[in-house]
N, C-alpha and C. Protein backbone atom coordinates (compact mmCIF):
# COMPACT_ATOMS: atom_id res chain seq x y z
N MET A 1 -178.14 156.47 30.51
CA MET A 1 -179.13 157.23 31.25
C MET A 1 -180.10 157.85 30.25
N ASN A 2 -181.38 157.68 30.49
CA ASN A 2 -182.42 158.24 29.64
C ASN A 2 -182.78 159.64 30.13
N ARG A 3 -181.99 160.63 29.69
CA ARG A 3 -182.20 162.00 30.13
C ARG A 3 -183.15 162.74 29.18
N ASP A 4 -183.92 163.64 29.76
CA ASP A 4 -184.83 164.48 29.00
C ASP A 4 -184.37 165.92 29.18
N SER A 5 -184.11 166.61 28.09
CA SER A 5 -183.59 167.99 28.18
C SER A 5 -184.57 168.91 28.89
N ARG A 6 -185.86 168.57 28.88
CA ARG A 6 -186.84 169.40 29.59
C ARG A 6 -186.65 169.30 31.11
N VAL A 7 -186.17 168.16 31.58
CA VAL A 7 -185.84 168.02 33.00
C VAL A 7 -184.62 168.88 33.32
N ASP A 8 -183.65 168.89 32.42
CA ASP A 8 -182.49 169.79 32.57
C ASP A 8 -182.98 171.23 32.71
N ASP A 9 -183.89 171.64 31.84
CA ASP A 9 -184.41 173.02 31.87
C ASP A 9 -185.08 173.32 33.21
N TYR A 10 -185.88 172.37 33.71
CA TYR A 10 -186.56 172.56 34.99
C TYR A 10 -185.52 172.76 36.10
N ILE A 11 -184.54 171.88 36.16
CA ILE A 11 -183.53 171.94 37.22
C ILE A 11 -182.69 173.20 37.09
N ASN A 12 -182.26 173.53 35.88
CA ASN A 12 -181.38 174.68 35.69
C ASN A 12 -182.04 176.01 36.03
N ALA A 13 -183.37 176.06 36.08
CA ALA A 13 -184.08 177.30 36.42
C ALA A 13 -184.19 177.51 37.93
N LEU A 14 -183.77 176.53 38.71
CA LEU A 14 -183.90 176.60 40.17
C LEU A 14 -182.70 177.29 40.81
N PRO A 15 -182.85 177.74 42.07
CA PRO A 15 -181.70 178.26 42.82
C PRO A 15 -180.63 177.16 42.95
N ASP A 16 -179.39 177.58 43.15
CA ASP A 16 -178.27 176.64 43.19
C ASP A 16 -178.48 175.48 44.16
N TRP A 17 -178.98 175.77 45.37
CA TRP A 17 -179.12 174.70 46.36
C TRP A 17 -180.17 173.67 45.93
N GLN A 18 -181.23 174.12 45.25
CA GLN A 18 -182.24 173.18 44.76
C GLN A 18 -181.72 172.41 43.54
N GLN A 19 -180.93 173.07 42.72
CA GLN A 19 -180.30 172.36 41.61
C GLN A 19 -179.44 171.21 42.13
N ALA A 20 -178.68 171.48 43.19
CA ALA A 20 -177.80 170.45 43.76
C ALA A 20 -178.62 169.26 44.26
N ILE A 21 -179.70 169.54 44.96
CA ILE A 21 -180.56 168.45 45.47
C ILE A 21 -181.16 167.67 44.31
N CYS A 22 -181.75 168.38 43.34
CA CYS A 22 -182.41 167.71 42.22
C CYS A 22 -181.42 166.89 41.39
N ASN A 23 -180.23 167.43 41.17
CA ASN A 23 -179.22 166.69 40.41
C ASN A 23 -178.77 165.44 41.15
N GLN A 24 -178.62 165.54 42.47
CA GLN A 24 -178.23 164.36 43.25
C GLN A 24 -179.34 163.31 43.21
N VAL A 25 -180.58 163.73 43.42
CA VAL A 25 -181.71 162.79 43.40
C VAL A 25 -181.81 162.14 42.02
N ARG A 26 -181.68 162.93 40.99
CA ARG A 26 -181.73 162.40 39.61
C ARG A 26 -180.66 161.35 39.39
N GLN A 27 -179.46 161.64 39.82
CA GLN A 27 -178.36 160.68 39.65
C GLN A 27 -178.63 159.40 40.42
N LEU A 28 -179.15 159.52 41.63
CA LEU A 28 -179.44 158.33 42.44
C LEU A 28 -180.56 157.50 41.82
N ILE A 29 -181.55 158.15 41.24
CA ILE A 29 -182.64 157.43 40.56
C ILE A 29 -182.06 156.58 39.43
N HIS A 30 -181.22 157.17 38.63
CA HIS A 30 -180.62 156.44 37.50
C HIS A 30 -179.62 155.39 37.96
N GLN A 31 -178.99 155.64 39.09
CA GLN A 31 -178.10 154.62 39.65
C GLN A 31 -178.91 153.42 40.14
N ALA A 32 -180.06 153.68 40.71
CA ALA A 32 -180.92 152.61 41.21
C ALA A 32 -181.46 151.77 40.05
N GLU A 33 -181.84 152.42 38.97
CA GLU A 33 -182.39 151.72 37.80
C GLU A 33 -182.03 152.50 36.54
N PRO A 34 -180.98 152.07 35.84
CA PRO A 34 -180.52 152.80 34.66
C PRO A 34 -181.57 152.93 33.55
N GLU A 35 -182.59 152.09 33.55
CA GLU A 35 -183.60 152.14 32.49
C GLU A 35 -184.78 153.05 32.82
N VAL A 36 -184.74 153.73 33.96
CA VAL A 36 -185.78 154.71 34.27
C VAL A 36 -185.80 155.77 33.18
N VAL A 37 -187.01 156.17 32.80
CA VAL A 37 -187.19 157.16 31.74
C VAL A 37 -187.64 158.47 32.39
N GLU A 38 -187.02 159.55 31.94
CA GLU A 38 -187.42 160.89 32.40
C GLU A 38 -188.44 161.46 31.43
N THR A 39 -189.37 162.22 31.98
CA THR A 39 -190.35 162.91 31.14
C THR A 39 -190.88 164.12 31.91
N ILE A 40 -191.66 164.91 31.25
CA ILE A 40 -192.33 166.05 31.89
C ILE A 40 -193.83 165.80 31.82
N LYS A 41 -194.51 165.94 32.93
CA LYS A 41 -195.97 165.83 32.98
C LYS A 41 -196.50 167.11 33.63
N PHE A 42 -197.76 167.38 33.40
CA PHE A 42 -198.42 168.55 33.99
C PHE A 42 -197.66 169.84 33.68
N THR A 43 -197.26 170.00 32.46
CA THR A 43 -196.60 171.17 31.90
C THR A 43 -195.11 171.26 32.23
N ASN A 44 -194.74 171.08 33.52
CA ASN A 44 -193.33 171.29 33.84
C ASN A 44 -192.78 170.39 34.94
N ARG A 45 -193.52 169.39 35.37
CA ARG A 45 -193.06 168.56 36.49
C ARG A 45 -192.24 167.38 36.01
N PRO A 46 -190.98 167.25 36.47
CA PRO A 46 -190.15 166.10 36.09
C PRO A 46 -190.66 164.81 36.74
N TYR A 47 -190.92 163.81 35.90
CA TYR A 47 -191.33 162.49 36.35
C TYR A 47 -190.29 161.48 35.90
N PHE A 48 -190.16 160.43 36.70
CA PHE A 48 -189.27 159.32 36.40
C PHE A 48 -190.14 158.08 36.36
N THR A 49 -190.11 157.36 35.23
CA THR A 49 -191.03 156.25 35.04
C THR A 49 -190.29 154.96 34.68
N PHE A 50 -190.91 153.85 35.03
CA PHE A 50 -190.46 152.52 34.63
C PHE A 50 -191.67 151.60 34.82
N ASP A 51 -192.31 151.22 33.75
CA ASP A 51 -193.55 150.44 33.83
C ASP A 51 -194.57 151.12 34.74
N GLY A 52 -194.63 152.44 34.67
CA GLY A 52 -195.49 153.25 35.52
C GLY A 52 -194.65 154.32 36.22
N ASN A 53 -195.32 155.19 36.93
CA ASN A 53 -194.61 156.25 37.66
C ASN A 53 -193.76 155.65 38.76
N VAL A 54 -192.57 156.19 38.92
CA VAL A 54 -191.69 155.84 40.04
C VAL A 54 -191.65 156.99 41.02
N CYS A 55 -191.30 158.18 40.52
CA CYS A 55 -191.25 159.36 41.39
C CYS A 55 -191.29 160.62 40.54
N ALA A 56 -191.42 161.76 41.22
CA ALA A 56 -191.45 163.06 40.56
C ALA A 56 -190.77 164.08 41.47
N LEU A 57 -190.31 165.16 40.86
CA LEU A 57 -189.68 166.25 41.60
C LEU A 57 -190.58 167.47 41.59
N LEU A 58 -190.56 168.20 42.69
CA LEU A 58 -191.24 169.49 42.75
C LEU A 58 -190.47 170.38 43.72
N ALA A 59 -189.88 171.45 43.17
CA ALA A 59 -189.18 172.41 44.01
C ALA A 59 -190.19 173.39 44.57
N THR A 60 -190.11 173.65 45.87
CA THR A 60 -190.98 174.62 46.52
C THR A 60 -190.10 175.73 47.07
N LYS A 61 -190.70 176.65 47.80
CA LYS A 61 -189.95 177.80 48.31
C LYS A 61 -188.77 177.39 49.18
N ASP A 62 -188.99 176.41 50.08
CA ASP A 62 -187.92 176.11 51.04
C ASP A 62 -187.45 174.66 51.05
N HIS A 63 -187.93 173.84 50.08
CA HIS A 63 -187.47 172.45 50.01
C HIS A 63 -187.76 171.88 48.62
N VAL A 64 -187.29 170.66 48.43
CA VAL A 64 -187.61 169.91 47.21
C VAL A 64 -188.40 168.69 47.64
N ASN A 65 -189.54 168.48 47.00
CA ASN A 65 -190.34 167.28 47.23
C ASN A 65 -189.94 166.22 46.21
N VAL A 66 -189.75 165.01 46.70
CA VAL A 66 -189.61 163.85 45.83
C VAL A 66 -190.83 162.99 46.11
N PHE A 67 -191.76 162.99 45.17
CA PHE A 67 -192.98 162.20 45.32
C PHE A 67 -192.68 160.75 44.94
N ILE A 68 -192.95 159.83 45.83
CA ILE A 68 -192.75 158.41 45.61
C ILE A 68 -194.11 157.80 45.28
N TYR A 69 -194.27 157.33 44.03
CA TYR A 69 -195.57 156.84 43.58
C TYR A 69 -195.74 155.35 43.86
N ASP A 70 -195.75 155.03 45.14
CA ASP A 70 -196.00 153.67 45.60
C ASP A 70 -196.27 153.75 47.09
N PRO A 71 -197.54 153.68 47.49
CA PRO A 71 -197.87 153.84 48.90
C PRO A 71 -197.61 152.60 49.76
N ILE A 72 -197.20 151.49 49.14
CA ILE A 72 -196.98 150.27 49.92
C ILE A 72 -195.51 149.87 50.02
N VAL A 73 -194.64 150.54 49.29
CA VAL A 73 -193.23 150.16 49.32
C VAL A 73 -192.67 150.40 50.73
N PRO A 74 -191.93 149.44 51.27
CA PRO A 74 -191.36 149.63 52.61
C PRO A 74 -190.35 150.78 52.65
N ASP A 75 -190.28 151.42 53.79
CA ASP A 75 -189.35 152.53 54.01
C ASP A 75 -188.66 152.32 55.35
N PRO A 76 -187.82 151.29 55.46
CA PRO A 76 -187.23 150.95 56.75
C PRO A 76 -186.30 152.03 57.32
N ASN A 77 -185.81 152.92 56.48
CA ASN A 77 -184.92 153.97 56.96
C ASN A 77 -185.62 155.29 57.24
N GLY A 78 -186.93 155.33 57.04
CA GLY A 78 -187.69 156.53 57.37
C GLY A 78 -187.40 157.73 56.49
N LEU A 79 -187.11 157.51 55.22
CA LEU A 79 -186.87 158.62 54.31
C LEU A 79 -188.14 159.42 54.04
N ILE A 80 -189.25 158.70 53.91
CA ILE A 80 -190.52 159.35 53.59
C ILE A 80 -191.01 160.11 54.81
N ASN A 81 -191.21 161.41 54.62
CA ASN A 81 -191.58 162.24 55.76
C ASN A 81 -192.87 163.03 55.55
N GLN A 82 -193.64 162.63 54.54
CA GLN A 82 -194.92 163.30 54.31
C GLN A 82 -195.84 162.35 53.55
N GLY A 83 -197.12 162.38 53.90
CA GLY A 83 -198.13 161.65 53.15
C GLY A 83 -198.21 160.17 53.43
N GLN A 84 -197.81 159.74 54.62
CA GLN A 84 -197.81 158.32 54.94
C GLN A 84 -199.17 157.66 54.73
N ASP A 85 -200.25 158.40 54.89
CA ASP A 85 -201.59 157.83 54.72
C ASP A 85 -202.18 158.12 53.35
N ASN A 86 -201.40 158.68 52.44
CA ASN A 86 -201.89 158.99 51.11
C ASN A 86 -202.15 157.70 50.34
N ALA A 87 -203.19 157.69 49.53
CA ALA A 87 -203.60 156.48 48.82
C ALA A 87 -202.74 156.16 47.60
N THR A 88 -202.02 157.15 47.05
CA THR A 88 -201.26 156.89 45.82
C THR A 88 -199.79 157.27 45.89
N ALA A 89 -199.43 158.23 46.69
CA ALA A 89 -198.04 158.68 46.73
C ALA A 89 -197.69 159.25 48.09
N ARG A 90 -196.44 159.11 48.43
CA ARG A 90 -195.89 159.75 49.63
C ARG A 90 -194.71 160.59 49.17
N SER A 91 -194.13 161.37 50.06
CA SER A 91 -193.02 162.20 49.59
C SER A 91 -191.90 162.31 50.61
N ILE A 92 -190.78 162.68 50.05
CA ILE A 92 -189.59 162.98 50.83
C ILE A 92 -189.33 164.47 50.63
N GLN A 93 -189.36 165.21 51.72
CA GLN A 93 -189.04 166.64 51.65
C GLN A 93 -187.57 166.80 52.01
N ILE A 94 -186.82 167.43 51.11
CA ILE A 94 -185.39 167.64 51.33
C ILE A 94 -185.14 169.15 51.39
N TYR A 95 -184.59 169.60 52.49
CA TYR A 95 -184.34 171.02 52.72
C TYR A 95 -182.88 171.38 52.43
N LYS A 96 -182.63 172.65 52.26
CA LYS A 96 -181.29 173.17 52.01
C LYS A 96 -180.33 172.64 53.07
N ASP A 97 -179.17 172.21 52.63
CA ASP A 97 -178.09 171.70 53.49
C ASP A 97 -178.45 170.39 54.20
N GLN A 98 -179.54 169.74 53.80
CA GLN A 98 -179.91 168.45 54.38
C GLN A 98 -179.33 167.35 53.49
N SER A 99 -178.74 166.36 54.13
CA SER A 99 -178.22 165.24 53.34
C SER A 99 -179.28 164.15 53.23
N ILE A 100 -179.12 163.33 52.23
CA ILE A 100 -180.04 162.22 52.02
C ILE A 100 -179.24 160.92 52.15
N ASN A 101 -179.83 159.95 52.79
CA ASN A 101 -179.20 158.62 52.92
C ASN A 101 -179.24 158.00 51.52
N GLN A 102 -178.11 158.07 50.83
CA GLN A 102 -178.08 157.68 49.42
C GLN A 102 -178.44 156.21 49.21
N GLN A 103 -177.87 155.32 50.00
CA GLN A 103 -178.15 153.90 49.80
C GLN A 103 -179.61 153.58 50.12
N ALA A 104 -180.15 154.20 51.15
CA ALA A 104 -181.56 153.98 51.48
C ALA A 104 -182.46 154.49 50.35
N PHE A 105 -182.10 155.63 49.76
CA PHE A 105 -182.89 156.17 48.65
C PHE A 105 -182.82 155.24 47.44
N ILE A 106 -181.63 154.76 47.11
CA ILE A 106 -181.47 153.82 46.00
C ILE A 106 -182.32 152.58 46.25
N ASN A 107 -182.27 152.05 47.46
CA ASN A 107 -183.07 150.87 47.80
C ASN A 107 -184.56 151.14 47.66
N LEU A 108 -184.99 152.32 48.07
CA LEU A 108 -186.40 152.70 47.95
C LEU A 108 -186.84 152.74 46.48
N ILE A 109 -186.04 153.36 45.64
CA ILE A 109 -186.35 153.45 44.21
C ILE A 109 -186.36 152.05 43.60
N ARG A 110 -185.40 151.22 43.96
CA ARG A 110 -185.37 149.85 43.44
C ARG A 110 -186.62 149.07 43.84
N ALA A 111 -187.12 149.31 45.04
CA ALA A 111 -188.33 148.62 45.50
C ALA A 111 -189.55 149.09 44.72
N VAL A 112 -189.64 150.38 44.42
CA VAL A 112 -190.75 150.88 43.61
C VAL A 112 -190.69 150.26 42.21
N VAL A 113 -189.51 150.24 41.62
CA VAL A 113 -189.34 149.65 40.28
C VAL A 113 -189.71 148.17 40.32
N ALA A 114 -189.30 147.45 41.35
CA ALA A 114 -189.64 146.03 41.47
C ALA A 114 -191.16 145.84 41.54
N ASN A 115 -191.83 146.70 42.30
CA ASN A 115 -193.30 146.62 42.36
C ASN A 115 -193.91 146.93 40.99
N ASN A 116 -193.36 147.90 40.28
CA ASN A 116 -193.86 148.22 38.94
C ASN A 116 -193.66 147.03 38.00
N ARG A 117 -192.50 146.40 38.09
CA ARG A 117 -192.24 145.22 37.25
C ARG A 117 -193.24 144.10 37.55
N ALA A 118 -193.67 144.01 38.78
CA ALA A 118 -194.61 142.96 39.21
C ALA A 118 -196.06 143.33 38.92
N GLY A 119 -196.28 144.43 38.23
CA GLY A 119 -197.64 144.81 37.87
C GLY A 119 -198.13 146.07 38.54
N GLY A 120 -197.33 146.67 39.38
CA GLY A 120 -197.71 147.91 40.05
C GLY A 120 -198.32 147.66 41.41
N TRP A 121 -198.19 148.66 42.28
CA TRP A 121 -198.64 148.49 43.66
C TRP A 121 -200.13 148.22 43.76
N ARG A 122 -200.92 148.73 42.83
CA ARG A 122 -202.36 148.50 42.89
C ARG A 122 -202.69 147.01 42.74
N ASN A 123 -201.91 146.31 41.92
CA ASN A 123 -202.14 144.89 41.68
C ASN A 123 -201.54 143.99 42.74
N ILE A 124 -200.54 144.48 43.46
CA ILE A 124 -199.88 143.62 44.45
C ILE A 124 -200.17 144.03 45.89
N ARG A 125 -201.02 145.04 46.04
CA ARG A 125 -201.36 145.54 47.37
C ARG A 125 -201.84 144.38 48.24
N LYS A 126 -201.34 144.38 49.43
CA LYS A 126 -201.76 143.36 50.40
C LYS A 126 -203.17 143.67 50.87
N PRO A 127 -204.01 142.64 51.04
CA PRO A 127 -205.37 142.89 51.54
C PRO A 127 -205.33 143.55 52.92
N THR A 128 -206.28 144.44 53.16
CA THR A 128 -206.34 145.11 54.47
C THR A 128 -207.36 144.46 55.37
């Protein structure tokens, strides 16, 4: 696992329930693609990359956002619950005591990585 201690610092500064969500999401990201690289962008935001951005974390007052940087990746399980019409990213908002469909999340991350391997969603976008 390509861990970045700055991501540890970001997560460890959060309330316990947000730490639990972020740690679970982080583990699932690495389970989906062990070669994903962690980094910090925009001063303190944890990003996960593989041939481009895959996703990012942002803890807010009452939930954790997982930004999915691929607006065309299929979401057959309906994990994405914000930004469906966004041109570059959509997100999954996870609230305290909310569970996440782990296999669906892993599949979603694998699909983003596959698109990145193929040149990125911008290059493979289907004509409208």
